[in-house]
Amino acid sequence: MSHAEDALQPAWLLHRRPFRNTSLIVELFVPRLGRIGAVVRGGRKDPSLAPFRPLLVELKSSGELYSLRSCEPAGSAVKLEGKALYCGFYLNELLTRLLHRDDPHPDLWPLYEQALGWLADGEPQDVVLRQFELGLLDEMGYGIDLSQDIQGEPVQAGRYYQLDPEQGLLAASQGYSGNDLLAVINGDWQPATRKAALHLCRALLAPHLGDRPLKSRELFR
């Protein structure tokens, strides 16, 4: 048994689906392992196996999927209600869709917990999502530098820029205003900045999410 499996370790449940009569297949986010799939024998009867509840799990490697040998709550569930709950499902779906299995991203762990905490505290939901999306993109190597264009020239407040998701920003006659791009960097979330950040993040995420729509976005409609 590897060191990563030899003791209880923290985890968040991202997704669960029925398996056979009483079991589950779950997607877990674990600091040392990244996103993993695990079979939980008789797991449908375990109330702790729910999203937004911190867990301690014991895992055993068993081929493509782990076997979840034990699970216990590591604290109180994060209380998300209404649209904040939908935002939480969106975060989980992003991690499930974008993270490759068994690819550790320990620096993403605090970003996820911070986002859940901000949603529970009533922080502006769109701002929380944009900050998480940008952090996720950076952590996975898909982010771009908003402070300069692809020529290495500093972004200027009075200019406009087009986005190439693969390369970065290109100076243009129309598109994203430099003022909004700089405001995103500085955390100055004015209405125009929030709108620009929404379109920017969707454009950056689109190549990596593919054509299959996100189920969690349907909840907001």
C-alpha atoms as a PDB file:
ATOM      1  CA  MET A   1       0.000   0.000   0.000  1.00  0.00           C
ATOM      2  CA  SER A   2       1.420   3.414  -0.962  1.00  0.00           C
ATOM      3  CA  HIS A   3       1.947   6.237   1.488  1.00  0.00           C
ATOM      4  CA  ALA A   4      -0.947   8.086  -0.165  1.00  0.00           C
ATOM      5  CA  GLU A   5      -3.277   5.268   0.872  1.00  0.00           C
ATOM      6  CA  ASP A   6      -1.994   4.292   4.306  1.00  0.00           C
ATOM      7  CA  ALA A   7      -4.092   6.625   6.493  1.00  0.00           C
ATOM      8  CA  LEU A   8      -7.139   8.813   6.592  1.00  0.00           C
ATOM      9  CA  GLN A   9      -6.720  11.864   4.396  1.00  0.00           C
ATOM     10  CA  PRO A  10      -8.895  14.886   3.605  1.00  0.00           C
ATOM     11  CA  ALA A  11     -11.245  14.805   0.644  1.00  0.00           C
ATOM     12  CA  TRP A  12     -14.218  16.563  -0.903  1.00  0.00           C
ATOM     13  CA  LEU A  13     -16.885  14.676  -2.802  1.00  0.00           C
ATOM     14  CA  LEU A  14     -17.408  16.158  -6.260  1.00  0.00           C
ATOM     15  CA  HIS A  15     -19.915  13.707  -7.757  1.00  0.00           C
ATOM     16  CA  ARG A  16     -21.627  10.419  -6.994  1.00  0.00           C
ATOM     17  CA  ARG A  17     -23.626   7.934  -9.018  1.00  0.00           C
ATOM     18  CA  PRO A  18     -25.328   4.617  -8.170  1.00  0.00           C
ATOM     19  CA  PHE A  19     -23.410   1.409  -8.718  1.00  0.00           C
ATOM     20  CA  ARG A  20     -25.087  -1.987  -8.540  1.00  0.00           C
ATOM     21  CA  ASN A  21     -27.721  -2.379  -5.829  1.00  0.00           C
ATOM     22  CA  THR A  22     -26.392  -0.484  -2.828  1.00  0.00           C
ATOM     23  CA  SER A  23     -22.998   0.919  -3.834  1.00  0.00           C
ATOM     24  CA  LEU A  24     -21.711   4.158  -5.311  1.00  0.00           C
ATOM     25  CA  ILE A  25     -19.011   5.338  -7.644  1.00  0.00           C
ATOM     26  CA  VAL A  26     -17.760   8.677  -6.382  1.00  0.00           C
ATOM     27  CA  GLU A  27     -15.430  11.331  -7.717  1.00  0.00           C
ATOM     28  CA  LEU A  28     -13.266  12.714  -4.904  1.00  0.00           C
ATOM     29  CA  PHE A  29     -10.863  15.641  -4.772  1.00  0.00           C
ATOM     30  CA  VAL A  30      -7.869  14.733  -2.596  1.00  0.00           C
ATOM     31  CA  PRO A  31      -4.827  17.015  -2.072  1.00  0.00           C
ATOM     32  CA  ARG A  32      -2.143  14.342  -2.619  1.00  0.00           C
ATOM     33  CA  LEU A  33      -3.925  12.454  -5.398  1.00  0.00           C
ATOM     34  CA  GLY A  34      -6.014  15.038  -7.260  1.00  0.00           C
ATOM     35  CA  ARG A  35      -9.338  13.891  -8.689  1.00  0.00           C
ATOM     36  CA  ILE A  36      -9.904  10.193  -8.205  1.00  0.00           C
ATOM     37  CA  GLY A  37     -12.714   7.710  -8.770  1.00  0.00           C
ATOM     38  CA  ALA A  38     -13.621   5.280  -6.012  1.00  0.00           C
ATOM     39  CA  VAL A  39     -16.119   2.492  -5.421  1.00  0.00           C
ATOM     40  CA  VAL A  40     -18.003   2.657  -2.119  1.00  0.00           C
ATOM     41  CA  ARG A  41     -19.583  -0.665  -1.161  1.00  0.00           C
ATOM     42  CA  GLY A  42     -22.979  -0.016   0.425  1.00  0.00           C
ATOM     43  CA  GLY A  43     -22.303   3.702   0.101  1.00  0.00           C
ATOM     44  CA  ARG A  44     -25.881   4.755  -0.593  1.00  0.00           C
ATOM     45  CA  LYS A  45     -26.646   4.365   3.112  1.00  0.00           C
ATOM     46  CA  ASP A  46     -23.821   6.677   4.223  1.00  0.00           C
ATOM     47  CA  PRO A  47     -25.186  10.225   4.811  1.00  0.00           C
ATOM     48  CA  SER A  48     -21.686  11.691   5.038  1.00  0.00           C
ATOM     49  CA  LEU A  49     -21.069  11.010   1.344  1.00  0.00           C
ATOM     50  CA  ALA A  50     -22.487  14.322   0.184  1.00  0.00           C
ATOM     51  CA  PRO A  51     -21.079  17.374  -1.589  1.00  0.00           C
ATOM     52  CA  PHE A  52     -19.724  20.297   0.450  1.00  0.00           C
ATOM     53  CA  ARG A  53     -18.998  18.222   3.549  1.00  0.00           C
ATOM     54  CA  PRO A  54     -15.294  17.885   4.433  1.00  0.00           C
ATOM     55  CA  LEU A  55     -14.330  14.232   4.678  1.00  0.00           C
ATOM     56  CA  LEU A  56     -11.563  11.998   5.906  1.00  0.00           C
ATOM     57  CA  VAL A  57     -11.212   8.913   3.744  1.00  0.00           C
ATOM     58  CA  GLU A  58      -9.128   5.764   3.655  1.00  0.00           C
ATOM     59  CA  LEU A  59      -8.426   4.493   0.148  1.00  0.00           C
ATOM     60  CA  LYS A  60      -7.065   1.329  -1.358  1.00  0.00           C
ATOM     61  CA  SER A  61      -5.820   1.182  -4.919  1.00  0.00           C
ATOM     62  CA  SER A  62      -7.878  -1.282  -6.928  1.00  0.00           C
ATOM     63  CA  GLY A  63      -7.175  -0.928 -10.634  1.00  0.00           C
ATOM     64  CA  GLU A  64      -8.625   2.079 -12.417  1.00  0.00           C
ATOM     65  CA  LEU A  65     -10.832   2.949  -9.435  1.00  0.00           C
ATOM     66  CA  TYR A  66      -9.890   3.115  -5.797  1.00  0.00           C
ATOM     67  CA  SER A  67     -11.855   1.317  -3.120  1.00  0.00           C
ATOM     68  CA  LEU A  68     -13.059   3.601  -0.356  1.00  0.00           C
ATOM     69  CA  ARG A  69     -12.420   1.552   2.781  1.00  0.00           C
ATOM     70  CA  SER A  70     -13.667   4.085   5.330  1.00  0.00           C
ATOM     71  CA  CYS A  71     -15.097   7.584   5.407  1.00  0.00           C
ATOM     72  CA  GLU A  72     -15.966  10.007   8.184  1.00  0.00           C
ATOM     73  CA  PRO A  73     -16.917  13.685   8.370  1.00  0.00           C
ATOM     74  CA  ALA A  74     -13.998  16.036   9.016  1.00  0.00           C
ATOM     75  CA  GLY A  75     -16.255  18.904  10.089  1.00  0.00           C
ATOM     76  CA  SER A  76     -19.595  20.535   9.497  1.00  0.00           C
ATOM     77  CA  ALA A  77     -20.993  20.777   5.991  1.00  0.00           C
ATOM     78  CA  VAL A  78     -20.581  24.094   4.192  1.00  0.00           C
ATOM     79  CA  LYS A  79     -24.035  25.663   4.183  1.00  0.00           C
ATOM     80  CA  LEU A  80     -24.926  26.648   0.629  1.00  0.00           C
ATOM     81  CA  GLU A  81     -28.462  27.635  -0.255  1.00  0.00           C
ATOM     82  CA  GLY A  82     -30.280  28.877  -3.350  1.00  0.00           C
ATOM     83  CA  LYS A  83     -27.985  30.174  -6.074  1.00  0.00           C
ATOM     84  CA  ALA A  84     -24.951  29.705  -3.835  1.00  0.00           C
ATOM     85  CA  LEU A  85     -25.709  25.967  -3.915  1.00  0.00           C
ATOM     86  CA  TYR A  86     -25.860  26.052  -7.717  1.00  0.00           C
ATOM     87  CA  CYS A  87     -22.487  27.837  -7.704  1.00  0.00           C
ATOM     88  CA  GLY A  88     -21.074  25.045  -5.551  1.00  0.00           C
ATOM     89  CA  PHE A  89     -22.295  22.436  -8.019  1.00  0.00           C
ATOM     90  CA  TYR A  90     -20.674  24.474 -10.793  1.00  0.00           C
ATOM     91  CA  LEU A  91     -17.308  24.425  -8.996  1.00  0.00           C
ATOM     92  CA  ASN A  92     -17.581  20.658  -8.569  1.00  0.00           C
ATOM     93  CA  GLU A  93     -18.486  20.133 -12.205  1.00  0.00           C
ATOM     94  CA  LEU A  94     -15.541  22.246 -13.355  1.00  0.00           C
ATOM     95  CA  LEU A  95     -13.153  20.131 -11.292  1.00  0.00           C
ATOM     96  CA  THR A  96     -14.739  16.905 -12.523  1.00  0.00           C
ATOM     97  CA  ARG A  97     -14.573  17.957 -16.161  1.00  0.00           C
ATOM     98  CA  LEU A  98     -11.168  19.663 -16.225  1.00  0.00           C
ATOM     99  CA  LEU A  99      -8.975  17.705 -13.826  1.00  0.00           C
ATOM    100  CA  HIS A 100      -7.442  14.501 -15.112  1.00  0.00           C
ATOM    101  CA  ARG A 101      -7.735  11.594 -12.721  1.00  0.00           C
ATOM    102  CA  ASP A 102      -4.754  10.916 -10.463  1.00  0.00           C
ATOM    103  CA  ASP A 103      -3.091  14.236 -11.340  1.00  0.00           C
ATOM    104  CA  PRO A 104      -2.353  16.006  -8.027  1.00  0.00           C
ATOM    105  CA  HIS A 105      -3.052  19.732  -7.729  1.00  0.00           C
ATOM    106  CA  PRO A 106      -2.376  20.553  -4.071  1.00  0.00           C
ATOM    107  CA  ASP A 107      -2.344  24.312  -4.716  1.00  0.00           C
ATOM    108  CA  LEU A 108      -5.906  24.079  -6.030  1.00  0.00           C
ATOM    109  CA  TRP A 109      -7.172  22.668  -2.720  1.00  0.00           C
ATOM    110  CA  PRO A 110      -7.098  26.001  -0.793  1.00  0.00           C
ATOM    111  CA  LEU A 111      -8.661  27.841  -3.752  1.00  0.00           C
ATOM    112  CA  TYR A 112     -11.604  25.428  -3.710  1.00  0.00           C
ATOM    113  CA  GLU A 113     -12.089  25.659   0.051  1.00  0.00           C
ATOM    114  CA  GLN A 114     -11.802  29.449  -0.095  1.00  0.00           C
ATOM    115  CA  ALA A 115     -14.442  29.638  -2.835  1.00  0.00           C
ATOM    116  CA  LEU A 116     -16.861  27.471  -0.840  1.00  0.00           C
ATOM    117  CA  GLY A 117     -16.293  29.638   2.222  1.00  0.00           C
ATOM    118  CA  TRP A 118     -16.926  32.845   0.310  1.00  0.00           C
ATOM    119  CA  LEU A 119     -20.137  31.445  -1.175  1.00  0.00           C
ATOM    120  CA  ALA A 120     -21.344  30.437   2.281  1.00  0.00           C
ATOM    121  CA  ASP A 121     -20.488  33.908   3.624  1.00  0.00           C
ATOM    122  CA  GLY A 122     -22.601  35.625   0.967  1.00  0.00           C
ATOM    123  CA  GLU A 123     -19.818  37.155  -1.092  1.00  0.00           C
ATOM    124  CA  PRO A 124     -20.822  38.219  -4.638  1.00  0.00           C
ATOM    125  CA  GLN A 125     -21.282  34.901  -6.378  1.00  0.00           C
ATOM    126  CA  ASP A 126     -20.101  35.901  -9.834  1.00  0.00           C
ATOM    127  CA  VAL A 127     -16.893  37.365  -8.409  1.00  0.00           C
ATOM    128  CA  VAL A 128     -16.229  34.169  -6.431  1.00  0.00           C
ATOM    129  CA  LEU A 129     -16.713  32.079  -9.573  1.00  0.00           C
ATOM    130  CA  ARG A 130     -14.485  34.294 -11.720  1.00  0.00           C
ATOM    131  CA  GLN A 131     -11.666  34.200  -9.166  1.00  0.00           C
ATOM    132  CA  PHE A 132     -11.910  30.429  -8.917  1.00  0.00           C
ATOM    133  CA  GLU A 133     -12.046  29.980 -12.694  1.00  0.00           C
ATOM    134  CA  LEU A 134      -8.949  32.121 -13.205  1.00  0.00           C
ATOM    135  CA  GLY A 135      -7.110  30.309 -10.406  1.00  0.00           C
ATOM    136  CA  LEU A 136      -8.093  26.927 -11.829  1.00  0.00           C
ATOM    137  CA  LEU A 137      -6.917  27.885 -15.311  1.00  0.00           C
ATOM    138  CA  ASP A 138      -3.583  29.108 -13.959  1.00  0.00           C
ATOM    139  CA  GLU A 139      -3.062  25.980 -11.856  1.00  0.00           C
ATOM    140  CA  MET A 140      -3.698  23.729 -14.858  1.00  0.00           C
ATOM    141  CA  GLY A 141      -1.407  25.731 -17.129  1.00  0.00           C
ATOM    142  CA  TYR A 142      -4.248  27.131 -19.238  1.00  0.00           C
ATOM    143  CA  GLY A 143      -4.226  30.680 -17.891  1.00  0.00           C
ATOM    144  CA  ILE A 144      -3.028  33.767 -19.721  1.00  0.00           C
ATOM    145  CA  ASP A 145      -1.227  36.889 -18.562  1.00  0.00           C
ATOM    146  CA  LEU A 146      -3.784  39.707 -18.369  1.00  0.00           C
ATOM    147  CA  SER A 147      -1.089  42.304 -17.755  1.00  0.00           C
ATOM    148  CA  GLN A 148       0.513  42.102 -21.217  1.00  0.00           C
ATOM    149  CA  ASP A 149      -0.307  41.184 -24.800  1.00  0.00           C
ATOM    150  CA  ILE A 150       1.311  38.405 -26.786  1.00  0.00           C
ATOM    151  CA  GLN A 151       4.014  40.840 -27.961  1.00  0.00           C
ATOM    152  CA  GLY A 152       5.031  41.435 -24.352  1.00  0.00           C
ATOM    153  CA  GLU A 153       3.652  44.974 -24.331  1.00  0.00           C
ATOM    154  CA  PRO A 154       1.870  46.077 -21.124  1.00  0.00           C
ATOM    155  CA  VAL A 155      -1.930  46.182 -21.328  1.00  0.00           C
ATOM    156  CA  GLN A 156      -3.020  49.822 -21.493  1.00  0.00           C
ATOM    157  CA  ALA A 157      -6.239  51.134 -19.981  1.00  0.00           C
ATOM    158  CA  GLY A 158      -7.173  53.135 -23.065  1.00  0.00           C
ATOM    159  CA  ARG A 159      -6.788  50.306 -25.586  1.00  0.00           C
ATOM    160  CA  TYR A 160      -8.787  47.224 -26.622  1.00  0.00           C
ATOM    161  CA  TYR A 161      -7.750  43.602 -26.943  1.00  0.00           C
ATOM    162  CA  GLN A 162      -8.955  40.417 -28.590  1.00  0.00           C
ATOM    163  CA  LEU A 163      -8.421  37.060 -26.914  1.00  0.00           C
ATOM    164  CA  ASP A 164      -6.656  34.066 -28.373  1.00  0.00           C
ATOM    165  CA  PRO A 165      -7.274  31.381 -25.711  1.00  0.00           C
ATOM    166  CA  GLU A 166      -4.127  29.525 -26.747  1.00  0.00           C
ATOM    167  CA  GLN A 167      -1.749  32.508 -26.867  1.00  0.00           C
ATOM    168  CA  GLY A 168      -3.201  35.452 -24.973  1.00  0.00           C
ATOM    169  CA  LEU A 169      -4.250  39.016 -25.702  1.00  0.00           C
ATOM    170  CA  LEU A 170      -3.833  40.798 -29.012  1.00  0.00           C
ATOM    171  CA  ALA A 171      -4.114  44.574 -29.366  1.00  0.00           C
ATOM    172  CA  ALA A 172      -7.170  45.421 -31.495  1.00  0.00           C
ATOM    173  CA  SER A 173      -9.633  48.163 -32.364  1.00  0.00           C
ATOM    174  CA  GLN A 174     -12.404  46.549 -30.326  1.00  0.00           C
ATOM    175  CA  GLY A 175     -12.919  43.749 -27.810  1.00  0.00           C
ATOM    176  CA  TYR A 176     -11.999  43.690 -24.123  1.00  0.00           C
ATOM    177  CA  SER A 177     -11.076  47.096 -22.767  1.00  0.00           C
ATOM    178  CA  GLY A 178      -7.676  47.360 -21.158  1.00  0.00           C
ATOM    179  CA  ASN A 179      -9.339  49.154 -18.271  1.00  0.00           C
ATOM    180  CA  ASP A 180     -11.480  46.082 -17.495  1.00  0.00           C
ATOM    181  CA  LEU A 181      -8.555  43.687 -17.864  1.00  0.00           C
ATOM    182  CA  LEU A 182      -6.459  45.701 -15.427  1.00  0.00           C
ATOM    183  CA  ALA A 183      -9.425  45.930 -13.049  1.00  0.00           C
ATOM    184  CA  VAL A 184      -9.676  42.116 -12.997  1.00  0.00           C
ATOM    185  CA  ILE A 185      -5.996  41.916 -12.020  1.00  0.00           C
ATOM    186  CA  ASN A 186      -6.504  44.483  -9.262  1.00  0.00           C
ATOM    187  CA  GLY A 187      -9.739  42.952  -7.953  1.00  0.00           C
ATOM    188  CA  ASP A 188     -11.741  46.086  -8.745  1.00  0.00           C
ATOM    189  CA  TRP A 189     -15.038  44.374  -9.538  1.00  0.00           C
ATOM    190  CA  GLN A 190     -17.140  47.132 -11.060  1.00  0.00           C
ATOM    191  CA  PRO A 191     -20.216  46.085 -13.122  1.00  0.00           C
ATOM    192  CA  ALA A 192     -18.411  46.459 -16.469  1.00  0.00           C
ATOM    193  CA  THR A 193     -15.444  44.495 -15.151  1.00  0.00           C
ATOM    194  CA  ARG A 194     -17.674  41.669 -13.932  1.00  0.00           C
ATOM    195  CA  LYS A 195     -19.363  41.407 -17.319  1.00  0.00           C
ATOM    196  CA  ALA A 196     -16.031  41.386 -19.158  1.00  0.00           C
ATOM    197  CA  ALA A 197     -14.625  38.774 -16.769  1.00  0.00           C
ATOM    198  CA  LEU A 198     -17.619  36.495 -17.393  1.00  0.00           C
ATOM    199  CA  HIS A 199     -17.061  36.530 -21.166  1.00  0.00           C
ATOM    200  CA  LEU A 200     -13.292  36.218 -20.741  1.00  0.00           C
ATOM    201  CA  CYS A 201     -13.496  33.168 -18.473  1.00  0.00           C
ATOM    202  CA  ARG A 202     -16.064  31.434 -20.671  1.00  0.00           C
ATOM    203  CA  ALA A 203     -13.813  31.949 -23.685  1.00  0.00           C
ATOM    204  CA  LEU A 204     -10.793  30.598 -21.814  1.00  0.00           C
ATOM    205  CA  LEU A 205     -12.659  27.556 -20.490  1.00  0.00           C
ATOM    206  CA  ALA A 206     -14.461  26.641 -23.728  1.00  0.00           C
ATOM    207  CA  PRO A 207     -11.549  24.852 -25.491  1.00  0.00           C
ATOM    208  CA  HIS A 208     -11.021  22.624 -22.459  1.00  0.00           C
ATOM    209  CA  LEU A 209     -14.654  21.848 -21.684  1.00  0.00           C
ATOM    210  CA  GLY A 210     -15.545  20.758 -25.219  1.00  0.00           C
ATOM    211  CA  ASP A 211     -19.022  20.784 -26.738  1.00  0.00           C
ATOM    212  CA  ARG A 212     -20.858  18.985 -23.926  1.00  0.00           C
ATOM    213  CA  PRO A 213     -22.759  21.634 -21.916  1.00  0.00           C
ATOM    214  CA  LEU A 214     -22.276  21.999 -18.191  1.00  0.00           C
ATOM    215  CA  LYS A 215     -25.275  20.608 -16.328  1.00  0.00           C
ATOM    216  CA  SER A 216     -24.832  23.048 -13.460  1.00  0.00           C
ATOM    217  CA  ARG A 217     -25.301  26.061 -15.756  1.00  0.00           C
ATOM    218  CA  GLU A 218     -28.811  24.829 -16.497  1.00  0.00           C
ATOM    219  CA  LEU A 219     -29.704  25.296 -12.828  1.00  0.00           C
ATOM    220  CA  PHE A 220     -29.323  29.078 -13.141  1.00  0.00           C
ATOM    221  CA  ARG A 221     -31.968  29.133 -15.863  1.00  0.00           C
END
